[in-house]
Amino acid sequence: MPPAIGLVLAAAVLHAVWNLAAKRYHGDGSVFVWSYMTLGAVLCLPLALLVLARDSGAWSWRLLIGPLVSALIHIVYSLVLQAGYKRAELTVVYPVARGVGPLLTVVVAVAVLGERPGLPALAGVALVLAGITVVTTLKRQHGGRPLASGLGYGAATGAMIAAYTLWDDHAVTRWDIAPIAYFGIAVTLQAALLTPAAVRRRDAIRPALTRYWREIATVAVLSPAAYLLVLVAMQRLPVTIVAPARESSIVVGSLLAWWLFKEAQPLRRVAGAAVVLTGITLIALA
């Protein structure tokens, strides 16, 4: 197995774990997102500046534009994901989001970039759709909540995943920006852009930090770690392999959600996640 694939698989496990922590949060989603992004910036920005200090030639307009666009997409992604976790079950939102992301990446590659995938890739797309259908065709979620909200938030999150994956791949490969510098600046911009909204909700900050500091710390550490591994892998493998391979987190997340949250009908949800993962694997192999 190529070392870069090992990085992606490690990132998938970290990604599943931090999503479980995010699911545990109940409160103002924007305050939670701002809290873990701010802590992530505190941890990552010094490393980014250290990398840039050792390479003075790395400073350019691309070092601002690339992270800024990424920050804007990631803010939307994080807020939509948190809203989905507040209104729907993880084993609906997570598989749909992680399945729609690589699916849209293939669509963009065909419609915009002119790529022509073969039959294995098309079969993978069909399996992704089938797996999502298995997960989301139950009549009701636990507690009587309709599945439509989970499907909608999952699909919207998946669209953001496709957007930031394609953009970040462009930034770290075509523009050759160091992943640590790129992510450190991006997460700092995310925290800064969300600060005005957090100030308006300052009454919710103290309760969030007091009650959910473990979840905030978990996401702040594991989310950057997972994505930095992905950015490094992008410099070594095509995005059409990295993007689907990292979605192996679907199965990990579904199993952990069944174990920790006792979500309803776990076998069907895990089976659907496994079908999505099989489809993603076919896309990657193609």
C-alpha atoms as a PDB file:
ATOM      1  CA  MET A   1       0.000   0.000   0.000  1.00  0.00           C
ATOM      2  CA  PRO A   2       1.457   3.423  -0.951  1.00  0.00           C
ATOM      3  CA  PRO A   3       2.346   5.541   2.104  1.00  0.00           C
ATOM      4  CA  ALA A   4       0.014   8.301   0.902  1.00  0.00           C
ATOM      5  CA  ILE A   5      -2.960   5.924   1.050  1.00  0.00           C
ATOM      6  CA  GLY A   6      -1.968   5.132   4.638  1.00  0.00           C
ATOM      7  CA  LEU A   7      -2.155   8.861   5.400  1.00  0.00           C
ATOM      8  CA  VAL A   8      -5.628   9.052   3.885  1.00  0.00           C
ATOM      9  CA  LEU A   9      -6.894   6.057   5.857  1.00  0.00           C
ATOM     10  CA  ALA A  10      -5.492   7.485   9.094  1.00  0.00           C
ATOM     11  CA  ALA A  11      -7.234  10.763   8.267  1.00  0.00           C
ATOM     12  CA  ALA A  12     -10.488   8.876   7.747  1.00  0.00           C
ATOM     13  CA  VAL A  13     -10.378   7.441  11.275  1.00  0.00           C
ATOM     14  CA  LEU A  14      -9.586  10.846  12.806  1.00  0.00           C
ATOM     15  CA  HIS A  15     -12.389  12.401  10.752  1.00  0.00           C
ATOM     16  CA  ALA A  16     -14.961   9.899  12.000  1.00  0.00           C
ATOM     17  CA  VAL A  17     -13.930  10.467  15.626  1.00  0.00           C
ATOM     18  CA  TRP A  18     -14.159  14.263  15.490  1.00  0.00           C
ATOM     19  CA  ASN A  19     -17.561  14.067  13.812  1.00  0.00           C
ATOM     20  CA  LEU A  20     -18.783  11.987  16.737  1.00  0.00           C
ATOM     21  CA  ALA A  21     -17.577  14.732  19.068  1.00  0.00           C
ATOM     22  CA  ALA A  22     -19.405  17.346  16.976  1.00  0.00           C
ATOM     23  CA  LYS A  23     -22.594  15.285  17.112  1.00  0.00           C
ATOM     24  CA  ARG A  24     -22.461  15.326  20.929  1.00  0.00           C
ATOM     25  CA  TYR A  25     -22.745  19.125  21.001  1.00  0.00           C
ATOM     26  CA  HIS A  26     -26.184  20.624  21.699  1.00  0.00           C
ATOM     27  CA  GLY A  27     -26.358  24.369  21.537  1.00  0.00           C
ATOM     28  CA  ASP A  28     -25.578  27.315  19.266  1.00  0.00           C
ATOM     29  CA  GLY A  29     -23.831  25.742  16.275  1.00  0.00           C
ATOM     30  CA  SER A  30     -22.017  28.902  15.200  1.00  0.00           C
ATOM     31  CA  VAL A  31     -20.507  29.343  18.683  1.00  0.00           C
ATOM     32  CA  PHE A  32     -19.289  25.735  18.662  1.00  0.00           C
ATOM     33  CA  VAL A  33     -17.761  26.101  15.185  1.00  0.00           C
ATOM     34  CA  TRP A  34     -16.091  29.396  16.146  1.00  0.00           C
ATOM     35  CA  SER A  35     -14.731  27.860  19.360  1.00  0.00           C
ATOM     36  CA  TYR A  36     -13.015  24.892  17.743  1.00  0.00           C
ATOM     37  CA  MET A  37     -11.804  26.938  14.778  1.00  0.00           C
ATOM     38  CA  THR A  38     -10.258  29.508  17.119  1.00  0.00           C
ATOM     39  CA  LEU A  39      -8.491  26.835  19.144  1.00  0.00           C
ATOM     40  CA  GLY A  40      -7.410  25.181  15.891  1.00  0.00           C
ATOM     41  CA  ALA A  41      -5.945  28.484  14.720  1.00  0.00           C
ATOM     42  CA  VAL A  42      -4.023  28.879  17.985  1.00  0.00           C
ATOM     43  CA  LEU A  43      -2.509  25.431  17.439  1.00  0.00           C
ATOM     44  CA  CYS A  44      -1.854  25.652  13.689  1.00  0.00           C
ATOM     45  CA  LEU A  45      -0.869  29.258  12.961  1.00  0.00           C
ATOM     46  CA  PRO A  46       2.499  29.109  14.784  1.00  0.00           C
ATOM     47  CA  LEU A  47       3.430  26.032  12.742  1.00  0.00           C
ATOM     48  CA  ALA A  48       2.370  27.809   9.563  1.00  0.00           C
ATOM     49  CA  LEU A  49       4.480  30.866  10.381  1.00  0.00           C
ATOM     50  CA  LEU A  50       7.446  28.636  11.201  1.00  0.00           C
ATOM     51  CA  VAL A  51       7.189  26.971   7.790  1.00  0.00           C
ATOM     52  CA  LEU A  52       6.899  30.336   6.058  1.00  0.00           C
ATOM     53  CA  ALA A  53       9.841  31.772   8.010  1.00  0.00           C
ATOM     54  CA  ARG A  54      12.039  28.989   6.658  1.00  0.00           C
ATOM     55  CA  ASP A  55      10.930  29.685   3.077  1.00  0.00           C
ATOM     56  CA  SER A  56      10.696  33.396   2.376  1.00  0.00           C
ATOM     57  CA  GLY A  57       9.896  32.669  -1.271  1.00  0.00           C
ATOM     58  CA  ALA A  58       6.581  31.101  -0.257  1.00  0.00           C
ATOM     59  CA  TRP A  59       4.983  34.516   0.350  1.00  0.00           C
ATOM     60  CA  SER A  60       2.749  35.519  -2.568  1.00  0.00           C
ATOM     61  CA  TRP A  61      -0.776  36.644  -3.423  1.00  0.00           C
ATOM     62  CA  ARG A  62      -1.698  32.987  -3.789  1.00  0.00           C
ATOM     63  CA  LEU A  63      -0.968  32.460  -0.085  1.00  0.00           C
ATOM     64  CA  LEU A  64      -3.843  34.833   0.693  1.00  0.00           C
ATOM     65  CA  ILE A  65      -6.344  33.983  -2.050  1.00  0.00           C
ATOM     66  CA  GLY A  66      -6.024  30.201  -1.702  1.00  0.00           C
ATOM     67  CA  PRO A  67      -6.648  30.012   2.076  1.00  0.00           C
ATOM     68  CA  LEU A  68      -9.324  32.749   1.918  1.00  0.00           C
ATOM     69  CA  VAL A  69     -11.458  30.861  -0.606  1.00  0.00           C
ATOM     70  CA  SER A  70     -10.907  27.648   1.365  1.00  0.00           C
ATOM     71  CA  ALA A  71     -11.907  29.392   4.606  1.00  0.00           C
ATOM     72  CA  LEU A  72     -15.176  30.658   3.133  1.00  0.00           C
ATOM     73  CA  ILE A  73     -16.120  27.203   1.843  1.00  0.00           C
ATOM     74  CA  HIS A  74     -15.126  25.515   5.102  1.00  0.00           C
ATOM     75  CA  ILE A  75     -17.219  27.962   7.152  1.00  0.00           C
ATOM     76  CA  VAL A  76     -20.326  27.092   5.145  1.00  0.00           C
ATOM     77  CA  TYR A  77     -19.441  23.391   5.370  1.00  0.00           C
ATOM     78  CA  SER A  78     -18.983  23.485   9.144  1.00  0.00           C
ATOM     79  CA  LEU A  79     -22.163  25.460   9.855  1.00  0.00           C
ATOM     80  CA  VAL A  80     -24.315  23.273   7.591  1.00  0.00           C
ATOM     81  CA  LEU A  81     -22.827  20.098   9.090  1.00  0.00           C
ATOM     82  CA  GLN A  82     -23.469  21.280  12.648  1.00  0.00           C
ATOM     83  CA  ALA A  83     -27.037  22.258  11.761  1.00  0.00           C
ATOM     84  CA  GLY A  84     -27.554  18.803  10.291  1.00  0.00           C
ATOM     85  CA  TYR A  85     -26.247  17.072  13.416  1.00  0.00           C
ATOM     86  CA  LYS A  86     -28.607  19.166  15.511  1.00  0.00           C
ATOM     87  CA  ARG A  87     -31.665  18.135  13.476  1.00  0.00           C
ATOM     88  CA  ALA A  88     -30.887  14.614  12.258  1.00  0.00           C
ATOM     89  CA  GLU A  89     -29.056  11.422  13.143  1.00  0.00           C
ATOM     90  CA  LEU A  90     -25.351  10.984  12.420  1.00  0.00           C
ATOM     91  CA  THR A  91     -25.913   7.744  10.504  1.00  0.00           C
ATOM     92  CA  VAL A  92     -28.044   9.676   8.010  1.00  0.00           C
ATOM     93  CA  VAL A  93     -26.149  12.968   7.706  1.00  0.00           C
ATOM     94  CA  TYR A  94     -22.644  11.498   7.725  1.00  0.00           C
ATOM     95  CA  PRO A  95     -22.963   8.803   5.009  1.00  0.00           C
ATOM     96  CA  VAL A  96     -24.955  11.106   2.726  1.00  0.00           C
ATOM     97  CA  ALA A  97     -22.454  13.952   3.135  1.00  0.00           C
ATOM     98  CA  ARG A  98     -19.403  11.762   2.623  1.00  0.00           C
ATOM     99  CA  GLY A  99     -21.029   9.985  -0.334  1.00  0.00           C
ATOM    100  CA  VAL A 100     -22.290  13.075  -2.145  1.00  0.00           C
ATOM    101  CA  GLY A 101     -18.849  14.749  -1.938  1.00  0.00           C
ATOM    102  CA  PRO A 102     -16.907  12.343  -4.201  1.00  0.00           C
ATOM    103  CA  LEU A 103     -20.024  11.826  -6.331  1.00  0.00           C
ATOM    104  CA  LEU A 104     -20.144  15.543  -7.167  1.00  0.00           C
ATOM    105  CA  THR A 105     -16.396  15.527  -7.734  1.00  0.00           C
ATOM    106  CA  VAL A 106     -16.921  12.991 -10.535  1.00  0.00           C
ATOM    107  CA  VAL A 107     -19.793  15.048 -11.977  1.00  0.00           C
ATOM    108  CA  VAL A 108     -17.629  18.178 -12.048  1.00  0.00           C
ATOM    109  CA  ALA A 109     -14.761  16.243 -13.614  1.00  0.00           C
ATOM    110  CA  VAL A 110     -17.058  15.116 -16.436  1.00  0.00           C
ATOM    111  CA  ALA A 111     -19.075  18.301 -16.972  1.00  0.00           C
ATOM    112  CA  VAL A 112     -16.403  20.947 -16.409  1.00  0.00           C
ATOM    113  CA  LEU A 113     -12.980  19.349 -16.730  1.00  0.00           C
ATOM    114  CA  GLY A 114     -13.895  17.141 -19.692  1.00  0.00           C
ATOM    115  CA  GLU A 115     -12.897  13.836 -18.107  1.00  0.00           C
ATOM    116  CA  ARG A 116     -14.584  10.664 -19.351  1.00  0.00           C
ATOM    117  CA  PRO A 117     -14.779   7.993 -16.640  1.00  0.00           C
ATOM    118  CA  GLY A 118     -15.051   4.337 -17.629  1.00  0.00           C
ATOM    119  CA  LEU A 119     -17.627   1.771 -16.627  1.00  0.00           C
ATOM    120  CA  PRO A 120     -16.066   1.037 -13.177  1.00  0.00           C
ATOM    121  CA  ALA A 121     -16.359   4.714 -12.216  1.00  0.00           C
ATOM    122  CA  LEU A 122     -19.956   4.890 -13.433  1.00  0.00           C
ATOM    123  CA  ALA A 123     -20.747   1.697 -11.518  1.00  0.00           C
ATOM    124  CA  GLY A 124     -19.216   3.327  -8.442  1.00  0.00           C
ATOM    125  CA  VAL A 125     -21.465   6.366  -8.874  1.00  0.00           C
ATOM    126  CA  ALA A 126     -24.493   4.070  -9.093  1.00  0.00           C
ATOM    127  CA  LEU A 127     -23.450   2.257  -5.905  1.00  0.00           C
ATOM    128  CA  VAL A 128     -22.999   5.540  -4.044  1.00  0.00           C
ATOM    129  CA  LEU A 129     -26.556   6.511  -4.980  1.00  0.00           C
ATOM    130  CA  ALA A 130     -27.819   3.057  -3.994  1.00  0.00           C
ATOM    131  CA  GLY A 131     -26.082   3.189  -0.613  1.00  0.00           C
ATOM    132  CA  ILE A 132     -27.484   6.627   0.133  1.00  0.00           C
ATOM    133  CA  THR A 133     -30.934   5.301  -0.768  1.00  0.00           C
ATOM    134  CA  VAL A 134     -30.540   2.395   1.657  1.00  0.00           C
ATOM    135  CA  VAL A 135     -29.592   4.774   4.465  1.00  0.00           C
ATOM    136  CA  THR A 136     -32.303   7.332   3.793  1.00  0.00           C
ATOM    137  CA  THR A 137     -35.422   5.402   2.790  1.00  0.00           C
ATOM    138  CA  LEU A 138     -36.529   4.665   6.341  1.00  0.00           C
ATOM    139  CA  LYS A 139     -39.807   6.378   7.189  1.00  0.00           C
ATOM    140  CA  ARG A 140     -38.699   7.944  10.444  1.00  0.00           C
ATOM    141  CA  GLN A 141     -35.603   8.617  12.445  1.00  0.00           C
ATOM    142  CA  HIS A 142     -35.254   7.913  16.131  1.00  0.00           C
ATOM    143  CA  GLY A 143     -37.683  10.136  18.032  1.00  0.00           C
ATOM    144  CA  GLY A 144     -40.084  10.485  15.097  1.00  0.00           C
ATOM    145  CA  ARG A 145     -38.057  13.021  13.135  1.00  0.00           C
ATOM    146  CA  PRO A 146     -38.427  12.829   9.322  1.00  0.00           C
ATOM    147  CA  LEU A 147     -35.433  11.709   7.272  1.00  0.00           C
ATOM    148  CA  ALA A 148     -35.793  14.557   4.787  1.00  0.00           C
ATOM    149  CA  SER A 149     -33.859  16.957   7.024  1.00  0.00           C
ATOM    150  CA  GLY A 150     -30.939  14.548   7.342  1.00  0.00           C
ATOM    151  CA  LEU A 151     -30.899  13.942   3.598  1.00  0.00           C
ATOM    152  CA  GLY A 152     -31.013  17.658   2.795  1.00  0.00           C
ATOM    153  CA  TYR A 153     -28.304  18.669   5.248  1.00  0.00           C
ATOM    154  CA  GLY A 154     -26.164  15.704   4.206  1.00  0.00           C
ATOM    155  CA  ALA A 155     -26.441  16.612   0.518  1.00  0.00           C
ATOM    156  CA  ALA A 156     -25.632  20.275   1.206  1.00  0.00           C
ATOM    157  CA  THR A 157     -22.629  19.263   3.292  1.00  0.00           C
ATOM    158  CA  GLY A 158     -21.487  16.933   0.508  1.00  0.00           C
ATOM    159  CA  ALA A 159     -21.615  19.797  -1.980  1.00  0.00           C
ATOM    160  CA  MET A 160     -19.300  21.812   0.247  1.00  0.00           C
ATOM    161  CA  ILE A 161     -16.978  18.810   0.593  1.00  0.00           C
ATOM    162  CA  ALA A 162     -16.680  18.585  -3.188  1.00  0.00           C
ATOM    163  CA  ALA A 163     -16.049  22.330  -3.416  1.00  0.00           C
ATOM    164  CA  TYR A 164     -13.272  22.540  -0.840  1.00  0.00           C
ATOM    165  CA  THR A 165     -11.666  19.280  -2.026  1.00  0.00           C
ATOM    166  CA  LEU A 166     -11.341  20.521  -5.608  1.00  0.00           C
ATOM    167  CA  TRP A 167     -10.161  23.985  -4.536  1.00  0.00           C
ATOM    168  CA  ASP A 168      -7.666  22.794  -1.923  1.00  0.00           C
ATOM    169  CA  ASP A 169      -6.233  20.235  -4.343  1.00  0.00           C
ATOM    170  CA  HIS A 170      -5.699  23.049  -6.837  1.00  0.00           C
ATOM    171  CA  ALA A 171      -4.001  25.216  -4.207  1.00  0.00           C
ATOM    172  CA  VAL A 172      -1.556  22.643  -2.841  1.00  0.00           C
ATOM    173  CA  THR A 173      -0.714  20.982  -6.182  1.00  0.00           C
ATOM    174  CA  ARG A 174      -1.011  23.604  -8.950  1.00  0.00           C
ATOM    175  CA  TRP A 175       0.064  26.524  -6.753  1.00  0.00           C
ATOM    176  CA  ASP A 176       2.447  24.364  -4.704  1.00  0.00           C
ATOM    177  CA  ILE A 177       1.524  25.879  -1.332  1.00  0.00           C
ATOM    178  CA  ALA A 178       2.897  24.008   1.688  1.00  0.00           C
ATOM    179  CA  PRO A 179      -0.038  22.179   3.357  1.00  0.00           C
ATOM    180  CA  ILE A 180       0.798  23.330   6.911  1.00  0.00           C
ATOM    181  CA  ALA A 181       1.110  26.968   5.861  1.00  0.00           C
ATOM    182  CA  TYR A 182      -2.029  26.725   3.747  1.00  0.00           C
ATOM    183  CA  PHE A 183      -4.177  25.168   6.457  1.00  0.00           C
ATOM    184  CA  GLY A 184      -2.790  27.334   9.271  1.00  0.00           C
ATOM    185  CA  ILE A 185      -3.714  30.527   7.428  1.00  0.00           C
ATOM    186  CA  ALA A 186      -7.073  29.106   6.297  1.00  0.00           C
ATOM    187  CA  VAL A 187      -8.220  28.080   9.780  1.00  0.00           C
ATOM    188  CA  THR A 188      -7.095  31.445  11.181  1.00  0.00           C
ATOM    189  CA  LEU A 189      -9.186  33.229   8.559  1.00  0.00           C
ATOM    190  CA  GLN A 190     -12.125  30.970   9.410  1.00  0.00           C
ATOM    191  CA  ALA A 191     -11.932  31.948  13.077  1.00  0.00           C
ATOM    192  CA  ALA A 192     -11.514  35.637  12.247  1.00  0.00           C
ATOM    193  CA  LEU A 193     -14.474  35.698   9.845  1.00  0.00           C
ATOM    194  CA  LEU A 194     -16.727  34.002  12.414  1.00  0.00           C
ATOM    195  CA  THR A 195     -15.675  36.275  15.308  1.00  0.00           C
ATOM    196  CA  PRO A 196     -18.289  39.028  14.671  1.00  0.00           C
ATOM    197  CA  ALA A 197     -21.098  36.433  14.795  1.00  0.00           C
ATOM    198  CA  ALA A 198     -19.597  34.924  17.961  1.00  0.00           C
ATOM    199  CA  VAL A 199     -19.458  38.358  19.614  1.00  0.00           C
ATOM    200  CA  ARG A 200     -23.164  38.833  18.904  1.00  0.00           C
ATOM    201  CA  ARG A 201     -23.776  35.488  20.624  1.00  0.00           C
ATOM    202  CA  ARG A 202     -21.273  36.046  23.439  1.00  0.00           C
ATOM    203  CA  ASP A 203     -23.796  34.950  26.086  1.00  0.00           C
ATOM    204  CA  ALA A 204     -23.606  31.437  24.624  1.00  0.00           C
ATOM    205  CA  ILE A 205     -19.787  31.244  24.615  1.00  0.00           C
ATOM    206  CA  ARG A 206     -19.197  30.609  28.330  1.00  0.00           C
ATOM    207  CA  PRO A 207     -21.801  27.785  28.588  1.00  0.00           C
ATOM    208  CA  ALA A 208     -20.362  26.147  25.459  1.00  0.00           C
ATOM    209  CA  LEU A 209     -16.787  26.303  26.756  1.00  0.00           C
ATOM    210  CA  THR A 210     -17.800  25.101  30.226  1.00  0.00           C
ATOM    211  CA  ARG A 211     -19.995  22.198  29.202  1.00  0.00           C
ATOM    212  CA  TYR A 212     -18.472  21.099  25.914  1.00  0.00           C
ATOM    213  CA  TRP A 213     -14.767  21.857  26.264  1.00  0.00           C
ATOM    214  CA  ARG A 214     -13.876  18.220  25.582  1.00  0.00           C
ATOM    215  CA  GLU A 215     -15.805  18.192  22.300  1.00  0.00           C
ATOM    216  CA  ILE A 216     -14.325  21.553  21.292  1.00  0.00           C
ATOM    217  CA  ALA A 217     -10.788  20.360  22.039  1.00  0.00           C
ATOM    218  CA  THR A 218     -11.346  17.063  20.220  1.00  0.00           C
ATOM    219  CA  VAL A 219     -12.543  18.754  17.028  1.00  0.00           C
ATOM    220  CA  ALA A 220      -9.885  21.479  17.264  1.00  0.00           C
ATOM    221  CA  VAL A 221      -7.093  18.886  17.364  1.00  0.00           C
ATOM    222  CA  LEU A 222      -8.399  16.023  15.221  1.00  0.00           C
ATOM    223  CA  SER A 223     -10.024  18.024  12.422  1.00  0.00           C
ATOM    224  CA  PRO A 224      -6.804  19.884  11.477  1.00  0.00           C
ATOM    225  CA  ALA A 225      -4.744  16.716  11.913  1.00  0.00           C
ATOM    226  CA  ALA A 226      -7.053  14.742   9.635  1.00  0.00           C
ATOM    227  CA  TYR A 227      -7.152  17.379   6.922  1.00  0.00           C
ATOM    228  CA  LEU A 228      -3.432  18.078   7.015  1.00  0.00           C
ATOM    229  CA  LEU A 229      -2.872  14.377   6.285  1.00  0.00           C
ATOM    230  CA  VAL A 230      -5.260  14.688   3.341  1.00  0.00           C
ATOM    231  CA  LEU A 231      -3.478  17.789   1.983  1.00  0.00           C
ATOM    232  CA  VAL A 232      -0.121  16.014   2.163  1.00  0.00           C
ATOM    233  CA  ALA A 233      -1.626  13.008   0.376  1.00  0.00           C
ATOM    234  CA  MET A 234      -3.005  15.296  -2.351  1.00  0.00           C
ATOM    235  CA  GLN A 235       0.547  16.298  -3.225  1.00  0.00           C
ATOM    236  CA  ARG A 236       1.401  12.635  -3.837  1.00  0.00           C
ATOM    237  CA  LEU A 237      -1.771  11.147  -5.350  1.00  0.00           C
ATOM    238  CA  PRO A 238      -4.493  12.367  -7.750  1.00  0.00           C
ATOM    239  CA  VAL A 239      -7.535  13.922  -6.096  1.00  0.00           C
ATOM    240  CA  THR A 240      -9.714  11.278  -7.803  1.00  0.00           C
ATOM    241  CA  ILE A 241      -8.051   8.728  -5.504  1.00  0.00           C
ATOM    242  CA  VAL A 242      -7.639  10.815  -2.352  1.00  0.00           C
ATOM    243  CA  ALA A 243     -11.209  12.163  -2.246  1.00  0.00           C
ATOM    244  CA  PRO A 244     -12.946   8.767  -2.431  1.00  0.00           C
ATOM    245  CA  ALA A 245     -10.398   6.941  -0.239  1.00  0.00           C
ATOM    246  CA  ARG A 246     -10.876   9.330   2.683  1.00  0.00           C
ATOM    247  CA  GLU A 247     -14.573   8.495   2.709  1.00  0.00           C
ATOM    248  CA  SER A 248     -13.765   5.130   4.272  1.00  0.00           C
ATOM    249  CA  SER A 249     -14.615   7.119   7.403  1.00  0.00           C
ATOM    250  CA  ILE A 250     -18.271   6.405   6.553  1.00  0.00           C
ATOM    251  CA  VAL A 251     -18.118   2.864   7.872  1.00  0.00           C
ATOM    252  CA  VAL A 252     -16.064   3.863  10.937  1.00  0.00           C
ATOM    253  CA  GLY A 253     -18.469   6.674  11.754  1.00  0.00           C
ATOM    254  CA  SER A 254     -21.562   4.516  11.296  1.00  0.00           C
ATOM    255  CA  LEU A 255     -20.237   1.776  13.558  1.00  0.00           C
ATOM    256  CA  LEU A 256     -19.198   4.211  16.269  1.00  0.00           C
ATOM    257  CA  ALA A 257     -22.528   6.059  16.069  1.00  0.00           C
ATOM    258  CA  TRP A 258     -24.393   2.775  16.525  1.00  0.00           C
ATOM    259  CA  TRP A 259     -22.226   1.915  19.511  1.00  0.00           C
ATOM    260  CA  LEU A 260     -22.232   5.324  21.240  1.00  0.00           C
ATOM    261  CA  PHE A 261     -25.598   6.829  20.292  1.00  0.00           C
ATOM    262  CA  LYS A 262     -27.709   3.640  19.961  1.00  0.00           C
ATOM    263  CA  GLU A 263     -29.217   4.950  16.724  1.00  0.00           C
ATOM    264  CA  ALA A 264     -32.128   2.967  15.306  1.00  0.00           C
ATOM    265  CA  GLN A 265     -31.812   0.122  12.754  1.00  0.00           C
ATOM    266  CA  PRO A 266     -28.008   0.022  12.826  1.00  0.00           C
ATOM    267  CA  LEU A 267     -27.599  -2.957  10.492  1.00  0.00           C
ATOM    268  CA  ARG A 268     -29.425  -1.239   7.665  1.00  0.00           C
ATOM    269  CA  ARG A 269     -27.542   2.005   8.156  1.00  0.00           C
ATOM    270  CA  VAL A 270     -24.150   0.295   8.325  1.00  0.00           C
ATOM    271  CA  ALA A 271     -25.040  -1.815   5.275  1.00  0.00           C
ATOM    272  CA  GLY A 272     -25.907   1.355   3.370  1.00  0.00           C
ATOM    273  CA  ALA A 273     -22.638   2.970   4.456  1.00  0.00           C
ATOM    274  CA  ALA A 274     -20.738  -0.122   3.276  1.00  0.00           C
ATOM    275  CA  VAL A 275     -22.430   0.108  -0.137  1.00  0.00           C
ATOM    276  CA  VAL A 276     -21.432   3.782  -0.371  1.00  0.00           C
ATOM    277  CA  LEU A 277     -17.857   2.842   0.525  1.00  0.00           C
ATOM    278  CA  THR A 278     -17.826   0.127  -2.171  1.00  0.00           C
ATOM    279  CA  GLY A 279     -18.966   2.652  -4.743  1.00  0.00           C
ATOM    280  CA  ILE A 280     -16.323   5.138  -3.640  1.00  0.00           C
ATOM    281  CA  THR A 281     -13.686   2.392  -3.955  1.00  0.00           C
ATOM    282  CA  LEU A 282     -14.742   1.691  -7.547  1.00  0.00           C
ATOM    283  CA  ILE A 283     -14.511   5.397  -8.375  1.00  0.00           C
ATOM    284  CA  ALA A 284     -11.009   5.498  -6.914  1.00  0.00           C
ATOM    285  CA  LEU A 285      -9.850   2.388  -8.757  1.00  0.00           C
ATOM    286  CA  ALA A 286     -11.215   3.763 -12.011  1.00  0.00           C
END
